Amino acid sequence: MVIRDELKRPNDNKQGAKNRGSNTKQSTVSVTVSIGAADSKTTRKPEDVLKKADKALYSAKEKGRNQVQCAR
């Protein structure tokens, strides 16, 4: 995975985006994702929503790879 600063090299980023779908001789990279989600309707303060989402994220990570946990 290559992360680029699009403000410094916008043309490189555009070319990189075009090349993502093409075949290359690079190796395959597997990615897993754990997600913590919180509903902003249950609390008004943004920091409380973030705290709930963060707690849900760590709960998802504890359960293993490729998990989604919703805050309660």
PDB file of N, CA and C in Angstrom:
ATOM      1  N   MET A   1       0.844  -1.156   0.000  1.00  0.00           N
ATOM      2  CA  MET A   1       0.000   0.000   0.000  1.00  0.00           C
ATOM      3  C   MET A   1       0.896   1.227   0.000  1.00  0.00           C
ATOM      4  N   VAL A   2       0.540   2.187  -0.815  1.00  0.00           N
ATOM      5  CA  VAL A   2       1.282   3.436  -0.886  1.00  0.00           C
ATOM      6  C   VAL A   2       0.349   4.564  -0.481  1.00  0.00           C
ATOM      7  N   ILE A   3       0.773   5.371   0.463  1.00  0.00           N
ATOM      8  CA  ILE A   3      -0.005   6.535   0.868  1.00  0.00           C
ATOM      9  C   ILE A   3       0.721   7.759   0.353  1.00  0.00           C
ATOM     10  N   ARG A   4       0.006   8.601  -0.353  1.00  0.00           N
ATOM     11  CA  ARG A   4       0.628   9.776  -0.963  1.00  0.00           C
ATOM     12  C   ARG A   4      -0.009  11.047  -0.442  1.00  0.00           C
ATOM     13  N   ASP A   5       0.787  12.082  -0.438  1.00  0.00           N
ATOM     14  CA  ASP A   5       0.284  13.404  -0.067  1.00  0.00           C
ATOM     15  C   ASP A   5      -0.238  14.062  -1.327  1.00  0.00           C
ATOM     16  N   GLU A   6      -1.560  14.110  -1.484  1.00  0.00           N
ATOM     17  CA  GLU A   6      -2.139  14.610  -2.732  1.00  0.00           C
ATOM     18  C   GLU A   6      -1.910  16.097  -2.937  1.00  0.00           C
ATOM     19  N   LEU A   7      -1.628  16.834  -1.872  1.00  0.00           N
ATOM     20  CA  LEU A   7      -1.358  18.258  -2.043  1.00  0.00           C
ATOM     21  C   LEU A   7       0.006  18.491  -2.681  1.00  0.00           C
ATOM     22  N   LYS A   8       0.951  17.597  -2.423  1.00  0.00           N
ATOM     23  CA  LYS A   8       2.290  17.757  -2.984  1.00  0.00           C
ATOM     24  C   LYS A   8       2.404  17.161  -4.378  1.00  0.00           C
ATOM     25  N   ARG A   9       1.683  16.067  -4.629  1.00  0.00           N
ATOM     26  CA  ARG A   9       1.811  15.378  -5.908  1.00  0.00           C
ATOM     27  C   ARG A   9       0.453  14.965  -6.463  1.00  0.00           C
ATOM     28  N   PRO A  10      -0.397  15.912  -6.829  1.00  0.00           N
ATOM     29  CA  PRO A  10      -1.740  15.543  -7.301  1.00  0.00           C
ATOM     30  C   PRO A  10      -1.722  14.713  -8.575  1.00  0.00           C
ATOM     31  N   ASN A  11      -0.807  14.979  -9.490  1.00  0.00           N
ATOM     32  CA  ASN A  11      -0.765  14.210 -10.735  1.00  0.00           C
ATOM     33  C   ASN A  11      -0.339  12.772 -10.489  1.00  0.00           C
ATOM     34  N   ASP A  12       0.597  12.564  -9.559  1.00  0.00           N
ATOM     35  CA  ASP A  12       0.995  11.202  -9.205  1.00  0.00           C
ATOM     36  C   ASP A  12      -0.187  10.440  -8.628  1.00  0.00           C
ATOM     37  N   ASN A  13      -0.991  11.107  -7.797  1.00  0.00           N
ATOM     38  CA  ASN A  13      -2.162  10.459  -7.207  1.00  0.00           C
ATOM     39  C   ASN A  13      -3.166  10.054  -8.270  1.00  0.00           C
ATOM     40  N   LYS A  14      -3.404  10.927  -9.241  1.00  0.00           N
ATOM     41  CA  LYS A  14      -4.352  10.605 -10.309  1.00  0.00           C
ATOM     42  C   LYS A  14      -3.858   9.411 -11.112  1.00  0.00           C
ATOM     43  N   GLN A  15      -2.573   9.387 -11.421  1.00  0.00           N
ATOM     44  CA  GLN A  15      -2.022   8.265 -12.182  1.00  0.00           C
ATOM     45  C   GLN A  15      -2.089   6.986 -11.359  1.00  0.00           C
ATOM     46  N   GLY A  16      -1.788   7.097 -10.067  1.00  0.00           N
ATOM     47  CA  GLY A  16      -1.864   5.931  -9.197  1.00  0.00           C
ATOM     48  C   GLY A  16      -3.270   5.371  -9.125  1.00  0.00           C
ATOM     49  N   ALA A  17      -4.267   6.241  -9.072  1.00  0.00           N
ATOM     50  CA  ALA A  17      -5.661   5.793  -9.040  1.00  0.00           C
ATOM     51  C   ALA A  17      -6.032   5.083 -10.327  1.00  0.00           C
ATOM     52  N   LYS A  18      -5.529   5.560 -11.446  1.00  0.00           N
ATOM     53  CA  LYS A  18      -5.816   4.913 -12.729  1.00  0.00           C
ATOM     54  C   LYS A  18      -5.189   3.529 -12.799  1.00  0.00           C
ATOM     55  N   ASN A  19      -4.017   3.374 -12.189  1.00  0.00           N
ATOM     56  CA  ASN A  19      -3.294   2.105 -12.262  1.00  0.00           C
ATOM     57  C   ASN A  19      -3.798   1.054 -11.285  1.00  0.00           C
ATOM     58  N   ARG A  20      -4.611   1.424 -10.324  1.00  0.00           N
ATOM     59  CA  ARG A  20      -5.049   0.459  -9.311  1.00  0.00           C
ATOM     60  C   ARG A  20      -5.773  -0.738  -9.902  1.00  0.00           C
ATOM     61  N   GLY A  21      -6.524  -0.526 -10.950  1.00  0.00           N
ATOM     62  CA  GLY A  21      -7.286  -1.620 -11.531  1.00  0.00           C
ATOM     63  C   GLY A  21      -6.500  -2.461 -12.515  1.00  0.00           C
ATOM     64  N   SER A  22      -5.303  -2.042 -12.880  1.00  0.00           N
ATOM     65  CA  SER A  22      -4.542  -2.782 -13.882  1.00  0.00           C
ATOM     66  C   SER A  22      -3.702  -3.873 -13.236  1.00  0.00           C
ATOM     67  N   ASN A  23      -3.344  -4.862 -14.021  1.00  0.00           N
ATOM     68  CA  ASN A  23      -2.517  -5.961 -13.537  1.00  0.00           C
ATOM     69  C   ASN A  23      -1.070  -5.517 -13.430  1.00  0.00           C
ATOM     70  N   THR A  24      -0.453  -5.860 -12.326  1.00  0.00           N
ATOM     71  CA  THR A  24       0.963  -5.580 -12.130  1.00  0.00           C
ATOM     72  C   THR A  24       1.609  -6.835 -11.585  1.00  0.00           C
ATOM     73  N   LYS A  25       2.911  -6.811 -11.446  1.00  0.00           N
ATOM     74  CA  LYS A  25       3.626  -7.969 -10.906  1.00  0.00           C
ATOM     75  C   LYS A  25       3.857  -7.818  -9.408  1.00  0.00           C
ATOM     76  N   GLN A  26       3.082  -6.985  -8.776  1.00  0.00           N
ATOM     77  CA  GLN A  26       3.199  -6.801  -7.335  1.00  0.00           C
ATOM     78  C   GLN A  26       2.454  -7.918  -6.615  1.00  0.00           C
ATOM     79  N   SER A  27       2.839  -8.171  -5.383  1.00  0.00           N
ATOM     80  CA  SER A  27       2.180  -9.222  -4.614  1.00  0.00           C
ATOM     81  C   SER A  27       0.830  -8.733  -4.091  1.00  0.00           C
ATOM     82  N   THR A  28      -0.030  -9.691  -3.761  1.00  0.00           N
ATOM     83  CA  THR A  28      -1.349  -9.392  -3.223  1.00  0.00           C
ATOM     84  C   THR A  28      -1.236  -9.108  -1.733  1.00  0.00           C
ATOM     85  N   VAL A  29      -1.980  -8.127  -1.270  1.00  0.00           N
ATOM     86  CA  VAL A  29      -2.000  -7.781   0.143  1.00  0.00           C
ATOM     87  C   VAL A  29      -3.397  -8.052   0.677  1.00  0.00           C
ATOM     88  N   SER A  30      -3.481  -8.831   1.744  1.00  0.00           N
ATOM     89  CA  SER A  30      -4.767  -9.102   2.389  1.00  0.00           C
ATOM     90  C   SER A  30      -4.981  -8.097   3.515  1.00  0.00           C
ATOM     91  N   VAL A  31      -6.208  -7.636   3.646  1.00  0.00           N
ATOM     92  CA  VAL A  31      -6.536  -6.647   4.664  1.00  0.00           C
ATOM     93  C   VAL A  31      -7.759  -7.124   5.436  1.00  0.00           C
ATOM     94  N   THR A  32      -7.727  -6.971   6.753  1.00  0.00           N
ATOM     95  CA  THR A  32      -8.901  -7.240   7.570  1.00  0.00           C
ATOM     96  C   THR A  32      -9.331  -5.923   8.212  1.00  0.00           C
ATOM     97  N   VAL A  33     -10.611  -5.830   8.535  1.00  0.00           N
ATOM     98  CA  VAL A  33     -11.142  -4.579   9.072  1.00  0.00           C
ATOM     99  C   VAL A  33     -12.019  -4.872  10.282  1.00  0.00           C
ATOM    100  N   SER A  34     -11.797  -4.118  11.339  1.00  0.00           N
ATOM    101  CA  SER A  34     -12.692  -4.135  12.494  1.00  0.00           C
ATOM    102  C   SER A  34     -13.288  -2.741  12.607  1.00  0.00           C
ATOM    103  N   ILE A  35     -14.593  -2.674  12.836  1.00  0.00           N
ATOM    104  CA  ILE A  35     -15.291  -1.389  12.849  1.00  0.00           C
ATOM    105  C   ILE A  35     -16.104  -1.248  14.126  1.00  0.00           C
ATOM    106  N   GLY A  36     -16.040  -0.069  14.714  1.00  0.00           N
ATOM    107  CA  GLY A  36     -16.893   0.282  15.844  1.00  0.00           C
ATOM    108  C   GLY A  36     -17.800   1.419  15.412  1.00  0.00           C
ATOM    109  N   ALA A  37     -19.092   1.262  15.593  1.00  0.00           N
ATOM    110  CA  ALA A  37     -20.052   2.278  15.151  1.00  0.00           C
ATOM    111  C   ALA A  37     -20.914   2.731  16.324  1.00  0.00           C
ATOM    112  N   ALA A  38     -21.278   4.006  16.300  1.00  0.00           N
ATOM    113  CA  ALA A  38     -22.153   4.562  17.332  1.00  0.00           C
ATOM    114  C   ALA A  38     -23.195   5.443  16.668  1.00  0.00           C
ATOM    115  N   ASP A  39     -24.393   5.428  17.224  1.00  0.00           N
ATOM    116  CA  ASP A  39     -25.499   6.225  16.703  1.00  0.00           C
ATOM    117  C   ASP A  39     -25.522   7.576  17.410  1.00  0.00           C
ATOM    118  N   SER A  40     -25.479   8.641  16.645  1.00  0.00           N
ATOM    119  CA  SER A  40     -25.470   9.980  17.247  1.00  0.00           C
ATOM    120  C   SER A  40     -26.839  10.390  17.782  1.00  0.00           C
ATOM    121  N   LYS A  41     -27.869   9.603  17.519  1.00  0.00           N
ATOM    122  CA  LYS A  41     -29.207   9.932  18.025  1.00  0.00           C
ATOM    123  C   LYS A  41     -29.348   9.635  19.515  1.00  0.00           C
ATOM    124  N   THR A  42     -28.490   8.761  20.035  1.00  0.00           N
ATOM    125  CA  THR A  42     -28.606   8.368  21.439  1.00  0.00           C
ATOM    126  C   THR A  42     -27.922   9.347  22.385  1.00  0.00           C
ATOM    127  N   THR A  43     -27.051  10.185  21.869  1.00  0.00           N
ATOM    128  CA  THR A  43     -26.374  11.190  22.685  1.00  0.00           C
ATOM    129  C   THR A  43     -26.106  12.427  21.843  1.00  0.00           C
ATOM    130  N   ARG A  44     -26.115  13.568  22.456  1.00  0.00           N
ATOM    131  CA  ARG A  44     -25.970  14.835  21.728  1.00  0.00           C
ATOM    132  C   ARG A  44     -24.510  15.273  21.567  1.00  0.00           C
ATOM    133  N   LYS A  45     -23.680  14.950  22.529  1.00  0.00           N
ATOM    134  CA  LYS A  45     -22.301  15.438  22.506  1.00  0.00           C
ATOM    135  C   LYS A  45     -21.447  14.617  21.538  1.00  0.00           C
ATOM    136  N   PRO A  46     -20.749  15.274  20.613  1.00  0.00           N
ATOM    137  CA  PRO A  46     -19.884  14.544  19.671  1.00  0.00           C
ATOM    138  C   PRO A  46     -18.823  13.709  20.376  1.00  0.00           C
ATOM    139  N   GLU A  47     -18.265  14.217  21.476  1.00  0.00           N
ATOM    140  CA  GLU A  47     -17.229  13.454  22.175  1.00  0.00           C
ATOM    141  C   GLU A  47     -17.795  12.171  22.782  1.00  0.00           C
ATOM    142  N   ASP A  48     -19.074  12.176  23.178  1.00  0.00           N
ATOM    143  CA  ASP A  48     -19.703  10.963  23.702  1.00  0.00           C
ATOM    144  C   ASP A  48     -19.922   9.935  22.592  1.00  0.00           C
ATOM    145  N   VAL A  49     -20.278  10.411  21.414  1.00  0.00           N
ATOM    146  CA  VAL A  49     -20.443   9.508  20.267  1.00  0.00           C
ATOM    147  C   VAL A  49     -19.106   8.858  19.938  1.00  0.00           C
ATOM    148  N   LEU A  50     -18.037   9.652  19.927  1.00  0.00           N
ATOM    149  CA  LEU A  50     -16.709   9.107  19.641  1.00  0.00           C
ATOM    150  C   LEU A  50     -16.275   8.097  20.694  1.00  0.00           C
ATOM    151  N   LYS A  51     -16.563   8.385  21.957  1.00  0.00           N
ATOM    152  CA  LYS A  51     -16.215   7.446  23.027  1.00  0.00           C
ATOM    153  C   LYS A  51     -16.936   6.116  22.838  1.00  0.00           C
ATOM    154  N   LYS A  52     -18.225   6.183  22.493  1.00  0.00           N
ATOM    155  CA  LYS A  52     -18.995   4.952  22.276  1.00  0.00           C
ATOM    156  C   LYS A  52     -18.466   4.179  21.069  1.00  0.00           C
ATOM    157  N   ALA A  53     -18.152   4.888  20.001  1.00  0.00           N
ATOM    158  CA  ALA A  53     -17.617   4.233  18.802  1.00  0.00           C
ATOM    159  C   ALA A  53     -16.262   3.604  19.101  1.00  0.00           C
ATOM    160  N   ASP A  54     -15.432   4.296  19.876  1.00  0.00           N
ATOM    161  CA  ASP A  54     -14.118   3.773  20.241  1.00  0.00           C
ATOM    162  C   ASP A  54     -14.254   2.509  21.081  1.00  0.00           C
ATOM    163  N   LYS A  55     -15.185   2.529  22.028  1.00  0.00           N
ATOM    164  CA  LYS A  55     -15.427   1.347  22.870  1.00  0.00           C
ATOM    165  C   LYS A  55     -15.907   0.173  22.007  1.00  0.00           C
ATOM    166  N   ALA A  56     -16.784   0.457  21.051  1.00  0.00           N
ATOM    167  CA  ALA A  56     -17.279  -0.588  20.152  1.00  0.00           C
ATOM    168  C   ALA A  56     -16.156  -1.122  19.266  1.00  0.00           C
ATOM    169  N   LEU A  57     -15.254  -0.246  18.832  1.00  0.00           N
ATOM    170  CA  LEU A  57     -14.121  -0.682  18.013  1.00  0.00           C
ATOM    171  C   LEU A  57     -13.246  -1.661  18.782  1.00  0.00           C
ATOM    172  N   TYR A  58     -12.910  -1.329  20.024  1.00  0.00           N
ATOM    173  CA  TYR A  58     -12.072  -2.232  20.808  1.00  0.00           C
ATOM    174  C   TYR A  58     -12.787  -3.539  21.111  1.00  0.00           C
ATOM    175  N   SER A  59     -14.089  -3.493  21.263  1.00  0.00           N
ATOM    176  CA  SER A  59     -14.866  -4.720  21.434  1.00  0.00           C
ATOM    177  C   SER A  59     -14.772  -5.584  20.178  1.00  0.00           C
ATOM    178  N   ALA A  60     -14.862  -4.950  19.014  1.00  0.00           N
ATOM    179  CA  ALA A  60     -14.751  -5.681  17.745  1.00  0.00           C
ATOM    180  C   ALA A  60     -13.369  -6.302  17.605  1.00  0.00           C
ATOM    181  N   LYS A  61     -12.333  -5.568  17.982  1.00  0.00           N
ATOM    182  CA  LYS A  61     -10.963  -6.088  17.889  1.00  0.00           C
ATOM    183  C   LYS A  61     -10.764  -7.287  18.811  1.00  0.00           C
ATOM    184  N   GLU A  62     -11.364  -7.248  19.995  1.00  0.00           N
ATOM    185  CA  GLU A  62     -11.245  -8.361  20.934  1.00  0.00           C
ATOM    186  C   GLU A  62     -11.897  -9.629  20.392  1.00  0.00           C
ATOM    187  N   LYS A  63     -12.936  -9.478  19.570  1.00  0.00           N
ATOM    188  CA  LYS A  63     -13.660 -10.632  19.035  1.00  0.00           C
ATOM    189  C   LYS A  63     -12.971 -11.262  17.833  1.00  0.00           C
ATOM    190  N   GLY A  64     -11.945 -10.613  17.303  1.00  0.00           N
ATOM    191  CA  GLY A  64     -11.206 -11.189  16.179  1.00  0.00           C
ATOM    192  C   GLY A  64     -11.289 -10.332  14.937  1.00  0.00           C
ATOM    193  N   ARG A  65     -10.804 -10.890  13.844  1.00  0.00           N
ATOM    194  CA  ARG A  65     -10.734 -10.156  12.580  1.00  0.00           C
ATOM    195  C   ARG A  65     -12.097 -10.008  11.919  1.00  0.00           C
ATOM    196  N   ASN A  66     -12.199  -8.947  11.121  1.00  0.00           N
ATOM    197  CA  ASN A  66     -13.387  -8.695  10.296  1.00  0.00           C
ATOM    198  C   ASN A  66     -14.676  -8.662  11.116  1.00  0.00           C
ATOM    199  N   GLN A  67     -14.685  -7.847  12.149  1.00  0.00           N
ATOM    200  CA  GLN A  67     -15.850  -7.732  13.021  1.00  0.00           C
ATOM    201  C   GLN A  67     -16.426  -6.326  12.968  1.00  0.00           C
ATOM    202  N   VAL A  68     -17.720  -6.234  13.175  1.00  0.00           N
ATOM    203  CA  VAL A  68     -18.398  -4.946  13.313  1.00  0.00           C
ATOM    204  C   VAL A  68     -19.165  -4.981  14.624  1.00  0.00           C
ATOM    205  N   GLN A  69     -18.974  -3.967  15.455  1.00  0.00           N
ATOM    206  CA  GLN A  69     -19.696  -3.851  16.716  1.00  0.00           C
ATOM    207  C   GLN A  69     -20.377  -2.492  16.753  1.00  0.00           C
ATOM    208  N   CYS A  70     -21.624  -2.491  17.169  1.00  0.00           N
ATOM    209  CA  CYS A  70     -22.369  -1.239  17.323  1.00  0.00           C
ATOM    210  C   CYS A  70     -22.466  -0.901  18.800  1.00  0.00           C
ATOM    211  N   ALA A  71     -22.267   0.360  19.122  1.00  0.00           N
ATOM    212  CA  ALA A  71     -22.357   0.812  20.513  1.00  0.00           C
ATOM    213  C   ALA A  71     -23.789   0.702  20.999  1.00  0.00           C
ATOM    214  N   ARG A  72     -23.930   0.393  22.281  1.00  0.00           N
ATOM    215  CA  ARG A  72     -25.265   0.287  22.885  1.00  0.00           C
ATOM    216  C   ARG A  72     -25.388   1.228  24.033  1.00  0.00           C
TER     217      ARG A  72
END
